[in-house]
PDB file of N, CA and C in Angstrom:
ATOM      1  N   MET A   1      51.047   9.459   8.472  1.00  0.00           N
ATOM      2  CA  MET A   1      50.516   8.353   9.230  1.00  0.00           C
ATOM      3  C   MET A   1      51.512   7.193   9.207  1.00  0.00           C
ATOM      4  N   GLN A   2      51.723   6.596  10.395  1.00  0.00           N
ATOM      5  CA  GLN A   2      52.686   5.516  10.499  1.00  0.00           C
ATOM      6  C   GLN A   2      51.997   4.178  10.259  1.00  0.00           C
ATOM      7  N   THR A   3      52.800   3.289   9.727  1.00  0.00           N
ATOM      8  CA  THR A   3      52.285   1.934   9.514  1.00  0.00           C
ATOM      9  C   THR A   3      52.363   1.172  10.834  1.00  0.00           C
ATOM     10  N   PRO A   4      51.627   0.080  10.954  1.00  0.00           N
ATOM     11  CA  PRO A   4      51.683  -0.710  12.189  1.00  0.00           C
ATOM     12  C   PRO A   4      53.105  -1.208  12.495  1.00  0.00           C
ATOM     13  N   PHE A   5      53.855  -1.505  11.446  1.00  0.00           N
ATOM     14  CA  PHE A   5      55.227  -1.978  11.663  1.00  0.00           C
ATOM     15  C   PHE A   5      56.088  -0.862  12.256  1.00  0.00           C
ATOM     16  N   GLU A   6      55.917   0.365  11.774  1.00  0.00           N
ATOM     17  CA  GLU A   6      56.677   1.493  12.313  1.00  0.00           C
ATOM     18  C   GLU A   6      56.277   1.773  13.762  1.00  0.00           C
ATOM     19  N   ASP A   7      54.965   1.650  14.070  1.00  0.00           N
ATOM     20  CA  ASP A   7      54.507   1.814  15.451  1.00  0.00           C
ATOM     21  C   ASP A   7      55.145   0.766  16.357  1.00  0.00           C
ATOM     22  N   LEU A   8      55.144  -0.463  15.899  1.00  0.00           N
ATOM     23  CA  LEU A   8      55.739  -1.549  16.673  1.00  0.00           C
ATOM     24  C   LEU A   8      57.232  -1.336  16.840  1.00  0.00           C
ATOM     25  N   SER A   9      57.892  -0.899  15.798  1.00  0.00           N
ATOM     26  CA  SER A   9      59.334  -0.660  15.841  1.00  0.00           C
ATOM     27  C   SER A   9      59.679   0.461  16.814  1.00  0.00           C
ATOM     28  N   SER A  10      58.925   1.562  16.756  1.00  0.00           N
ATOM     29  CA  SER A  10      59.214   2.668  17.673  1.00  0.00           C
ATOM     30  C   SER A  10      58.869   2.285  19.111  1.00  0.00           C
ATOM     31  N   GLY A  11      57.815   1.506  19.310  1.00  0.00           N
ATOM     32  CA  GLY A  11      57.455   1.043  20.654  1.00  0.00           C
ATOM     33  C   GLY A  11      58.512   0.113  21.224  1.00  0.00           C
ATOM     34  N   ALA A  12      59.040  -0.770  20.385  1.00  0.00           N
ATOM     35  CA  ALA A  12      60.087  -1.696  20.832  1.00  0.00           C
ATOM     36  C   ALA A  12      61.362  -0.930  21.158  1.00  0.00           C
ATOM     37  N   LYS A  13      61.656   0.082  20.355  1.00  0.00           N
ATOM     38  CA  LYS A  13      62.847   0.886  20.609  1.00  0.00           C
ATOM     39  C   LYS A  13      62.716   1.633  21.932  1.00  0.00           C
ATOM     40  N   GLU A  14      61.549   2.212  22.179  1.00  0.00           N
ATOM     41  CA  GLU A  14      61.309   2.908  23.451  1.00  0.00           C
ATOM     42  C   GLU A  14      61.422   1.950  24.626  1.00  0.00           C
ATOM     43  N   TYR A  15      60.856   0.761  24.467  1.00  0.00           N
ATOM     44  CA  TYR A  15      60.904  -0.239  25.529  1.00  0.00           C
ATOM     45  C   TYR A  15      62.351  -0.615  25.852  1.00  0.00           C
ATOM     46  N   LEU A  16      63.151  -0.843  24.820  1.00  0.00           N
ATOM     47  CA  LEU A  16      64.550  -1.209  25.034  1.00  0.00           C
ATOM     48  C   LEU A  16      65.330  -0.081  25.702  1.00  0.00           C
ATOM     49  N   GLU A  17      65.041   1.160  25.317  1.00  0.00           N
ATOM     50  CA  GLU A  17      65.713   2.293  25.955  1.00  0.00           C
ATOM     51  C   GLU A  17      65.337   2.391  27.432  1.00  0.00           C
ATOM     52  N   LEU A  18      64.054   2.201  27.734  1.00  0.00           N
ATOM     53  CA  LEU A  18      63.610   2.243  29.126  1.00  0.00           C
ATOM     54  C   LEU A  18      64.198   1.080  29.934  1.00  0.00           C
ATOM     55  N   LYS A  19      64.278  -0.091  29.309  1.00  0.00           N
ATOM     56  CA  LYS A  19      64.854  -1.250  29.994  1.00  0.00           C
ATOM     57  C   LYS A  19      66.344  -1.020  30.267  1.00  0.00           C
ATOM     58  N   ALA A  20      67.063  -0.405  29.336  1.00  0.00           N
ATOM     59  CA  ALA A  20      68.475  -0.095  29.545  1.00  0.00           C
ATOM     60  C   ALA A  20      68.642   0.902  30.686  1.00  0.00           C
ATOM     61  N   GLU A  21      67.774   1.909  30.750  1.00  0.00           N
ATOM     62  CA  GLU A  21      67.822   2.877  31.846  1.00  0.00           C
ATOM     63  C   GLU A  21      67.534   2.207  33.186  1.00  0.00           C
ATOM     64  N   ASP A  22      66.576   1.268  33.188  1.00  0.00           N
ATOM     65  CA  ASP A  22      66.265   0.535  34.413  1.00  0.00           C
ATOM     66  C   ASP A  22      67.463  -0.282  34.879  1.00  0.00           C
ATOM     67  N   LEU A  23      68.159  -0.917  33.952  1.00  0.00           N
ATOM     68  CA  LEU A  23      69.353  -1.692  34.303  1.00  0.00           C
ATOM     69  C   LEU A  23      70.453  -0.793  34.851  1.00  0.00           C
ATOM     70  N   LYS A  24      70.626   0.376  34.240  1.00  0.00           N
ATOM     71  CA  LYS A  24      71.644   1.316  34.723  1.00  0.00           C
ATOM     72  C   LYS A  24      71.320   1.783  36.139  1.00  0.00           C
ATOM     73  N   LEU A  25      70.053   2.133  36.367  1.00  0.00           N
ATOM     74  CA  LEU A  25      69.649   2.581  37.696  1.00  0.00           C
ATOM     75  C   LEU A  25      69.809   1.467  38.732  1.00  0.00           C
ATOM     76  N   GLY A  26      69.485   0.244  38.348  1.00  0.00           N
ATOM     77  CA  GLY A  26      69.661  -0.892  39.251  1.00  0.00           C
ATOM     78  C   GLY A  26      71.122  -1.121  39.586  1.00  0.00           C
ATOM     79  N   ALA A  27      71.987  -0.962  38.584  1.00  0.00           N
ATOM     80  CA  ALA A  27      73.421  -1.137  38.824  1.00  0.00           C
ATOM     81  C   ALA A  27      73.959  -0.043  39.743  1.00  0.00           C
ATOM     82  N   VAL A  28      73.528   1.186  39.518  1.00  0.00           N
ATOM     83  CA  VAL A  28      73.971   2.292  40.373  1.00  0.00           C
ATOM     84  C   VAL A  28      73.462   2.096  41.795  1.00  0.00           C
ATOM     85  N   GLU A  29      72.223   1.664  41.936  1.00  0.00           N
ATOM     86  CA  GLU A  29      71.668   1.420  43.269  1.00  0.00           C
ATOM     87  C   GLU A  29      72.438   0.315  43.988  1.00  0.00           C
ATOM     88  N   GLY A  30      72.694  -0.781  43.293  1.00  0.00           N
ATOM     89  CA  GLY A  30      73.440  -1.884  43.894  1.00  0.00           C
ATOM     90  C   GLY A  30      74.846  -1.475  44.271  1.00  0.00           C
ATOM     91  N   LEU A  31      75.487  -0.705  43.404  1.00  0.00           N
ATOM     92  CA  LEU A  31      76.844  -0.242  43.683  1.00  0.00           C
ATOM     93  C   LEU A  31      76.869   0.702  44.871  1.00  0.00           C
ATOM     94  N   SER A  32      75.906   1.615  44.939  1.00  0.00           N
ATOM     95  CA  SER A  32      75.890   2.560  46.064  1.00  0.00           C
ATOM     96  C   SER A  32      75.592   1.851  47.376  1.00  0.00           C
ATOM     97  N   VAL A  33      74.679   0.884  47.364  1.00  0.00           N
ATOM     98  CA  VAL A  33      74.386   0.127  48.581  1.00  0.00           C
ATOM     99  C   VAL A  33      75.619  -0.674  49.001  1.00  0.00           C
ATOM    100  N   GLY A  34      76.265  -1.312  48.041  1.00  0.00           N
ATOM    101  CA  GLY A  34      77.458  -2.094  48.345  1.00  0.00           C
ATOM    102  C   GLY A  34      78.592  -1.246  48.885  1.00  0.00           C
ATOM    103  N   LEU A  35      78.846  -0.113  48.250  1.00  0.00           N
ATOM    104  CA  LEU A  35      79.906   0.766  48.726  1.00  0.00           C
ATOM    105  C   LEU A  35      79.581   1.359  50.096  1.00  0.00           C
ATOM    106  N   GLY A  36      78.314   1.668  50.324  1.00  0.00           N
ATOM    107  CA  GLY A  36      77.909   2.171  51.635  1.00  0.00           C
ATOM    108  C   GLY A  36      78.130   1.137  52.729  1.00  0.00           C
ATOM    109  N   ARG A  37      77.791  -0.112  52.439  1.00  0.00           N
ATOM    110  CA  ARG A  37      78.006  -1.180  53.416  1.00  0.00           C
ATOM    111  C   ARG A  37      79.491  -1.416  53.651  1.00  0.00           C
ATOM    112  N   ILE A  38      80.276  -1.387  52.595  1.00  0.00           N
ATOM    113  CA  ILE A  38      81.718  -1.578  52.743  1.00  0.00           C
ATOM    114  C   ILE A  38      82.324  -0.441  53.555  1.00  0.00           C
ATOM    115  N   PHE A  39      81.912   0.789  53.289  1.00  0.00           N
ATOM    116  CA  PHE A  39      82.421   1.935  54.040  1.00  0.00           C
ATOM    117  C   PHE A  39      82.054   1.815  55.518  1.00  0.00           C
ATOM    118  N   ALA A  40      80.812   1.439  55.806  1.00  0.00           N
ATOM    119  CA  ALA A  40      80.382   1.269  57.193  1.00  0.00           C
ATOM    120  C   ALA A  40      81.182   0.163  57.868  1.00  0.00           C
ATOM    121  N   LEU A  41      81.437  -0.914  57.141  1.00  0.00           N
ATOM    122  CA  LEU A  41      82.229  -2.020  57.688  1.00  0.00           C
ATOM    123  C   LEU A  41      83.652  -1.582  57.990  1.00  0.00           C
ATOM    124  N   VAL A  42      84.254  -0.802  57.101  1.00  0.00           N
ATOM    125  CA  VAL A  42      85.616  -0.314  57.317  1.00  0.00           C
ATOM    126  C   VAL A  42      85.673   0.602  58.528  1.00  0.00           C
ATOM    127  N   VAL A  43      84.707   1.499  58.664  1.00  0.00           N
ATOM    128  CA  VAL A  43      84.679   2.409  59.815  1.00  0.00           C
ATOM    129  C   VAL A  43      84.516   1.619  61.113  1.00  0.00           C
ATOM    130  N   MET A  44      83.610   0.648  61.118  1.00  0.00           N
ATOM    131  CA  MET A  44      83.417  -0.160  62.318  1.00  0.00           C
ATOM    132  C   MET A  44      84.669  -0.970  62.654  1.00  0.00           C
ATOM    133  N   LEU A  45      85.329  -1.514  61.635  1.00  0.00           N
ATOM    134  CA  LEU A  45      86.560  -2.273  61.883  1.00  0.00           C
ATOM    135  C   LEU A  45      87.665  -1.380  62.434  1.00  0.00           C
ATOM    136  N   LEU A  46      87.768  -0.164  61.923  1.00  0.00           N
ATOM    137  CA  LEU A  46      88.777   0.757  62.448  1.00  0.00           C
ATOM    138  C   LEU A  46      88.503   1.101  63.913  1.00  0.00           C
ATOM    139  N   LEU A  47      87.248   1.368  64.249  1.00  0.00           N
ATOM    140  CA  LEU A  47      86.904   1.651  65.638  1.00  0.00           C
ATOM    141  C   LEU A  47      87.143   0.438  66.531  1.00  0.00           C
ATOM    142  N   LEU A  48      86.832  -0.740  66.012  1.00  0.00           N
ATOM    143  CA  LEU A  48      87.084  -1.964  66.762  1.00  0.00           C
ATOM    144  C   LEU A  48      88.571  -2.170  66.998  1.00  0.00           C
ATOM    145  N   MET A  49      89.389  -1.880  65.992  1.00  0.00           N
ATOM    146  CA  MET A  49      90.836  -2.026  66.139  1.00  0.00           C
ATOM    147  C   MET A  49      91.387  -1.055  67.176  1.00  0.00           C
ATOM    148  N   VAL A  50      90.884   0.164  67.209  1.00  0.00           N
ATOM    149  CA  VAL A  50      91.324   1.134  68.211  1.00  0.00           C
ATOM    150  C   VAL A  50      90.944   0.644  69.607  1.00  0.00           C
ATOM    151  N   ALA A  51      89.716   0.154  69.756  1.00  0.00           N
ATOM    152  CA  ALA A  51      89.272  -0.351  71.059  1.00  0.00           C
ATOM    153  C   ALA A  51      90.093  -1.575  71.477  1.00  0.00           C
ATOM    154  N   LEU A  52      90.345  -2.483  70.554  1.00  0.00           N
ATOM    155  CA  LEU A  52      91.149  -3.668  70.881  1.00  0.00           C
ATOM    156  C   LEU A  52      92.575  -3.292  71.254  1.00  0.00           C
ATOM    157  N   THR A  53      93.117  -2.287  70.609  1.00  0.00           N
ATOM    158  CA  THR A  53      94.465  -1.826  70.960  1.00  0.00           C
ATOM    159  C   THR A  53      94.486  -1.282  72.385  1.00  0.00           C
ATOM    160  N   ALA A  54      93.479  -0.512  72.746  1.00  0.00           N
ATOM    161  CA  ALA A  54      93.409   0.034  74.109  1.00  0.00           C
ATOM    162  C   ALA A  54      93.255  -1.086  75.133  1.00  0.00           C
ATOM    163  N   PHE A  55      92.367  -2.048  74.859  1.00  0.00           N
ATOM    164  CA  PHE A  55      92.194  -3.168  75.780  1.00  0.00           C
ATOM    165  C   PHE A  55      93.458  -4.019  75.875  1.00  0.00           C
ATOM    166  N   THR A  56      94.114  -4.231  74.744  1.00  0.00           N
ATOM    167  CA  THR A  56      95.354  -5.006  74.748  1.00  0.00           C
ATOM    168  C   THR A  56      96.411  -4.318  75.600  1.00  0.00           C
ATOM    169  N   PHE A  57      96.544  -3.030  75.459  1.00  0.00           N
ATOM    170  CA  PHE A  57      97.523  -2.288  76.254  1.00  0.00           C
ATOM    171  C   PHE A  57      97.191  -2.398  77.742  1.00  0.00           C
ATOM    172  N   GLY A  58      95.913  -2.284  78.075  1.00  0.00           N
ATOM    173  CA  GLY A  58      95.491  -2.425  79.463  1.00  0.00           C
ATOM    174  C   GLY A  58      95.789  -3.817  80.010  1.00  0.00           C
ATOM    175  N   PHE A  59      95.504  -4.846  79.199  1.00  0.00           N
ATOM    176  CA  PHE A  59      95.791  -6.210  79.638  1.00  0.00           C
ATOM    177  C   PHE A  59      97.289  -6.459  79.773  1.00  0.00           C
ATOM    178  N   VAL A  60      98.089  -5.861  78.910  1.00  0.00           N
ATOM    179  CA  VAL A  60      99.547  -5.988  79.036  1.00  0.00           C
ATOM    180  C   VAL A  60      99.997  -5.400  80.368  1.00  0.00           C
ATOM    181  N   LEU A  61      99.451  -4.249  80.734  1.00  0.00           N
ATOM    182  CA  LEU A  61      99.815  -3.643  82.025  1.00  0.00           C
ATOM    183  C   LEU A  61      99.376  -4.515  83.199  1.00  0.00           C
ATOM    184  N   LEU A  62      98.148  -5.052  83.130  1.00  0.00           N
ATOM    185  CA  LEU A  62      97.670  -5.929  84.202  1.00  0.00           C
ATOM    186  C   LEU A  62      98.515  -7.197  84.311  1.00  0.00           C
ATOM    187  N   LEU A  63      98.740  -7.846  83.171  1.00  0.00           N
ATOM    188  CA  LEU A  63      99.551  -9.063  83.177  1.00  0.00           C
ATOM    189  C   LEU A  63     100.977  -8.773  83.630  1.00  0.00           C
ATOM    190  N   GLY A  64     101.490  -7.621  83.228  1.00  0.00           N
ATOM    191  CA  GLY A  64     102.835  -7.239  83.645  1.00  0.00           C
ATOM    192  C   GLY A  64     102.934  -7.094  85.151  1.00  0.00           C
ATOM    193  N   ASN A  65     101.902  -6.538  85.784  1.00  0.00           N
ATOM    194  CA  ASN A  65     101.883  -6.428  87.235  1.00  0.00           C
ATOM    195  C   ASN A  65     101.794  -7.809  87.888  1.00  0.00           C
ATOM    196  N   TRP A  66     100.957  -8.689  87.331  1.00  0.00           N
ATOM    197  CA  TRP A  66     100.795 -10.021  87.910  1.00  0.00           C
ATOM    198  C   TRP A  66     102.042 -10.877  87.732  1.00  0.00           C
ATOM    199  N   VAL A  67     102.646 -10.807  86.534  1.00  0.00           N
ATOM    200  CA  VAL A  67     103.812 -11.629  86.234  1.00  0.00           C
ATOM    201  C   VAL A  67     105.075 -11.013  86.835  1.00  0.00           C
ATOM    202  N   GLY A  68     105.093  -9.718  86.945  1.00  0.00           N
ATOM    203  CA  GLY A  68     106.269  -9.029  87.466  1.00  0.00           C
ATOM    204  C   GLY A  68     107.135  -8.440  86.373  1.00  0.00           C
ATOM    205  N   SER A  69     106.693  -8.561  85.122  1.00  0.00           N
ATOM    206  CA  SER A  69     107.459  -8.025  83.994  1.00  0.00           C
ATOM    207  C   SER A  69     106.478  -7.597  82.905  1.00  0.00           C
ATOM    208  N   TYR A  70     106.608  -6.353  82.483  1.00  0.00           N
ATOM    209  CA  TYR A  70     105.735  -5.881  81.409  1.00  0.00           C
ATOM    210  C   TYR A  70     106.045  -6.589  80.097  1.00  0.00           C
ATOM    211  N   ALA A  71     107.292  -6.943  79.882  1.00  0.00           N
ATOM    212  CA  ALA A  71     107.646  -7.689  78.672  1.00  0.00           C
ATOM    213  C   ALA A  71     106.972  -9.055  78.691  1.00  0.00           C
ATOM    214  N   GLY A  72     106.967  -9.698  79.841  1.00  0.00           N
ATOM    215  CA  GLY A  72     106.273 -10.990  79.954  1.00  0.00           C
ATOM    216  C   GLY A  72     104.793 -10.850  79.680  1.00  0.00           C
ATOM    217  N   GLY A  73     104.183  -9.799  80.207  1.00  0.00           N
ATOM    218  CA  GLY A  73     102.771  -9.547  79.938  1.00  0.00           C
ATOM    219  C   GLY A  73     102.511  -9.311  78.460  1.00  0.00           C
ATOM    220  N   ALA A  74     103.445  -8.609  77.800  1.00  0.00           N
ATOM    221  CA  ALA A  74     103.291  -8.359  76.364  1.00  0.00           C
ATOM    222  C   ALA A  74     103.391  -9.662  75.570  1.00  0.00           C
ATOM    223  N   PHE A  75     104.310 -10.550  75.967  1.00  0.00           N
ATOM    224  CA  PHE A  75     104.437 -11.834  75.269  1.00  0.00           C
ATOM    225  C   PHE A  75     103.214 -12.719  75.494  1.00  0.00           C
ATOM    226  N   ILE A  76     102.675 -12.714  76.696  1.00  0.00           N
ATOM    227  CA  ILE A  76     101.467 -13.494  76.963  1.00  0.00           C
ATOM    228  C   ILE A  76     100.310 -12.961  76.119  1.00  0.00           C
ATOM    229  N   MET A  77     100.155 -11.649  76.086  1.00  0.00           N
ATOM    230  CA  MET A  77      99.072 -11.044  75.299  1.00  0.00           C
ATOM    231  C   MET A  77      99.278 -11.319  73.812  1.00  0.00           C
ATOM    232  N   GLY A  78     100.515 -11.262  73.343  1.00  0.00           N
ATOM    233  CA  GLY A  78     100.806 -11.592  71.942  1.00  0.00           C
ATOM    234  C   GLY A  78     100.446 -13.031  71.624  1.00  0.00           C
ATOM    235  N   GLY A  79     100.714 -13.947  72.554  1.00  0.00           N
ATOM    236  CA  GLY A  79     100.334 -15.349  72.353  1.00  0.00           C
ATOM    237  C   GLY A  79      98.834 -15.528  72.276  1.00  0.00           C
ATOM    238  N   ILE A  80      98.120 -14.808  73.121  1.00  0.00           N
ATOM    239  CA  ILE A  80      96.650 -14.870  73.085  1.00  0.00           C
ATOM    240  C   ILE A  80      96.133 -14.362  71.745  1.00  0.00           C
ATOM    241  N   GLN A  81      96.726 -13.280  71.251  1.00  0.00           N
ATOM    242  CA  GLN A  81      96.286 -12.736  69.964  1.00  0.00           C
ATOM    243  C   GLN A  81      96.645 -13.667  68.810  1.00  0.00           C
ATOM    244  N   LEU A  82      97.809 -14.305  68.865  1.00  0.00           N
ATOM    245  CA  LEU A  82      98.163 -15.281  67.818  1.00  0.00           C
ATOM    246  C   LEU A  82      97.195 -16.455  67.820  1.00  0.00           C
ATOM    247  N   ALA A  83      96.784 -16.905  69.002  1.00  0.00           N
ATOM    248  CA  ALA A  83      95.803 -17.986  69.081  1.00  0.00           C
ATOM    249  C   ALA A  83      94.472 -17.540  68.464  1.00  0.00           C
ATOM    250  N   ALA A  84      94.066 -16.306  68.748  1.00  0.00           N
ATOM    251  CA  ALA A  84      92.817 -15.783  68.175  1.00  0.00           C
ATOM    252  C   ALA A  84      92.913 -15.697  66.651  1.00  0.00           C
ATOM    253  N   ILE A  85      94.069 -15.265  66.149  1.00  0.00           N
ATOM    254  CA  ILE A  85      94.265 -15.196  64.693  1.00  0.00           C
ATOM    255  C   ILE A  85      94.207 -16.590  64.089  1.00  0.00           C
ATOM    256  N   GLY A  86      94.798 -17.560  64.765  1.00  0.00           N
ATOM    257  CA  GLY A  86      94.746 -18.943  64.285  1.00  0.00           C
ATOM    258  C   GLY A  86      93.326 -19.469  64.207  1.00  0.00           C
ATOM    259  N   ILE A  87      92.528 -19.176  65.229  1.00  0.00           N
ATOM    260  CA  ILE A  87      91.123 -19.607  65.228  1.00  0.00           C
ATOM    261  C   ILE A  87      90.359 -18.940  64.092  1.00  0.00           C
ATOM    262  N   LEU A  88      90.590 -17.640  63.889  1.00  0.00           N
ATOM    263  CA  LEU A  88      89.933 -16.936  62.774  1.00  0.00           C
ATOM    264  C   LEU A  88      90.368 -17.510  61.433  1.00  0.00           C
ATOM    265  N   PHE A  89      91.631 -17.899  61.310  1.00  0.00           N
ATOM    266  CA  PHE A  89      92.125 -18.474  60.058  1.00  0.00           C
ATOM    267  C   PHE A  89      91.467 -19.818  59.782  1.00  0.00           C
ATOM    268  N   ILE A  90      91.305 -20.625  60.831  1.00  0.00           N
ATOM    269  CA  ILE A  90      90.693 -21.940  60.661  1.00  0.00           C
ATOM    270  C   ILE A  90      89.245 -21.812  60.198  1.00  0.00           C
ATOM    271  N   PHE A  91      88.518 -20.855  60.756  1.00  0.00           N
ATOM    272  CA  PHE A  91      87.102 -20.680  60.420  1.00  0.00           C
ATOM    273  C   PHE A  91      86.861 -19.557  59.420  1.00  0.00           C
ATOM    274  N   ARG A  92      87.862 -19.211  58.609  1.00  0.00           N
ATOM    275  CA  ARG A  92      87.757 -18.059  57.714  1.00  0.00           C
ATOM    276  C   ARG A  92      86.644 -18.210  56.682  1.00  0.00           C
ATOM    277  N   LYS A  93      86.451 -19.418  56.128  1.00  0.00           N
ATOM    278  CA  LYS A  93      85.397 -19.577  55.122  1.00  0.00           C
ATOM    279  C   LYS A  93      84.021 -19.359  55.732  1.00  0.00           C
ATOM    280  N   LYS A  94      83.808 -19.956  56.870  1.00  0.00           N
ATOM    281  CA  LYS A  94      82.500 -19.839  57.502  1.00  0.00           C
ATOM    282  C   LYS A  94      82.238 -18.409  57.965  1.00  0.00           C
ATOM    283  N   LEU A  95      83.265 -17.739  58.475  1.00  0.00           N
ATOM    284  CA  LEU A  95      83.078 -16.405  59.032  1.00  0.00           C
ATOM    285  C   LEU A  95      83.074 -15.303  57.981  1.00  0.00           C
ATOM    286  N   PHE A  96      83.972 -15.393  57.007  1.00  0.00           N
ATOM    287  CA  PHE A  96      84.167 -14.262  56.099  1.00  0.00           C
ATOM    288  C   PHE A  96      83.642 -14.509  54.690  1.00  0.00           C
ATOM    289  N   VAL A  97      84.033 -15.599  54.055  1.00  0.00           N
ATOM    290  CA  VAL A  97      83.653 -15.823  52.654  1.00  0.00           C
ATOM    291  C   VAL A  97      82.147 -15.948  52.528  1.00  0.00           C
ATOM    292  N   ASN A  98      81.530 -16.786  53.349  1.00  0.00           N
ATOM    293  CA  ASN A  98      80.078 -16.954  53.268  1.00  0.00           C
ATOM    294  C   ASN A  98      79.343 -15.655  53.565  1.00  0.00           C
ATOM    295  N   MET A  99      79.886 -14.846  54.499  1.00  0.00           N
ATOM    296  CA  MET A  99      79.252 -13.573  54.832  1.00  0.00           C
ATOM    297  C   MET A  99      79.262 -12.634  53.625  1.00  0.00           C
ATOM    298  N   PHE A 100      80.390 -12.570  52.906  1.00  0.00           N
ATOM    299  CA  PHE A 100      80.465 -11.678  51.756  1.00  0.00           C
ATOM    300  C   PHE A 100      79.637 -12.193  50.590  1.00  0.00           C
ATOM    301  N   VAL A 101      79.542 -13.500  50.434  1.00  0.00           N
ATOM    302  CA  VAL A 101      78.693 -14.056  49.377  1.00  0.00           C
ATOM    303  C   VAL A 101      77.238 -13.671  49.644  1.00  0.00           C
ATOM    304  N   LYS A 102      76.794 -13.825  50.896  1.00  0.00           N
ATOM    305  CA  LYS A 102      75.415 -13.452  51.239  1.00  0.00           C
ATOM    306  C   LYS A 102      75.184 -11.961  51.033  1.00  0.00           C
ATOM    307  N   LEU A 103      76.173 -11.148  51.394  1.00  0.00           N
ATOM    308  CA  LEU A 103      76.058  -9.697  51.225  1.00  0.00           C
ATOM    309  C   LEU A 103      75.897  -9.346  49.750  1.00  0.00           C
ATOM    310  N   LEU A 104      76.737  -9.919  48.896  1.00  0.00           N
ATOM    311  CA  LEU A 104      76.659  -9.608  47.468  1.00  0.00           C
ATOM    312  C   LEU A 104      75.363 -10.119  46.846  1.00  0.00           C
ATOM    313  N   ILE A 105      74.915 -11.294  47.276  1.00  0.00           N
ATOM    314  CA  ILE A 105      73.646 -11.806  46.746  1.00  0.00           C
ATOM    315  C   ILE A 105      72.500 -10.890  47.151  1.00  0.00           C
ATOM    316  N   SER A 106      72.517 -10.413  48.402  1.00  0.00           N
ATOM    317  CA  SER A 106      71.435  -9.529  48.835  1.00  0.00           C
ATOM    318  C   SER A 106      71.471  -8.193  48.096  1.00  0.00           C
ATOM    319  N   ILE A 107      72.678  -7.735  47.733  1.00  0.00           N
ATOM    320  CA  ILE A 107      72.774  -6.491  46.982  1.00  0.00           C
ATOM    321  C   ILE A 107      72.245  -6.668  45.573  1.00  0.00           C
ATOM    322  N   VAL A 108      72.620  -7.764  44.924  1.00  0.00           N
ATOM    323  CA  VAL A 108      72.245  -7.972  43.525  1.00  0.00           C
ATOM    324  C   VAL A 108      70.768  -8.301  43.374  1.00  0.00           C
ATOM    325  N   TYR A 109      70.243  -9.181  44.252  1.00  0.00           N
ATOM    326  CA  TYR A 109      68.879  -9.665  44.046  1.00  0.00           C
ATOM    327  C   TYR A 109      67.823  -9.019  44.915  1.00  0.00           C
ATOM    328  N   ASP A 110      68.206  -8.232  45.918  1.00  0.00           N
ATOM    329  CA  ASP A 110      67.229  -7.590  46.798  1.00  0.00           C
ATOM    330  C   ASP A 110      66.909  -6.216  46.259  1.00  0.00           C
ATOM    331  N   ARG A 111      65.888  -6.132  45.448  1.00  0.00           N
ATOM    332  CA  ARG A 111      65.500  -4.861  44.829  1.00  0.00           C
ATOM    333  C   ARG A 111      64.115  -4.473  45.333  1.00  0.00           C
ATOM    334  N   ASP A 112      64.089  -3.757  46.459  1.00  0.00           N
ATOM    335  CA  ASP A 112      62.798  -3.363  47.063  1.00  0.00           C
ATOM    336  C   ASP A 112      62.082  -2.349  46.233  1.00  0.00           C
TER     337      ASP A 112
END
């Protein structure tokens, strides 16, 4: 027969083991959700880059016909892309950093 202290000790030990397992499962769930979202984001970005490359090439051909030189069309398109990169750089915190902070917070604290 166990004493009340031994019962309490074994119950506390079981509780701590179960709590550790719960933390491990939560960490694995958060990691898998995060990696899944990152993988989906990478795939979407790659597809977007392929589409943008095709559109850029098409616009270079159109501009080249209008300007009379494909090299001129390529330089105009390059300038447009540099301007877009500059705009993205200026708003990088609002567009990217805050988005990733919200994503990580939702992964860590959103436990349905």
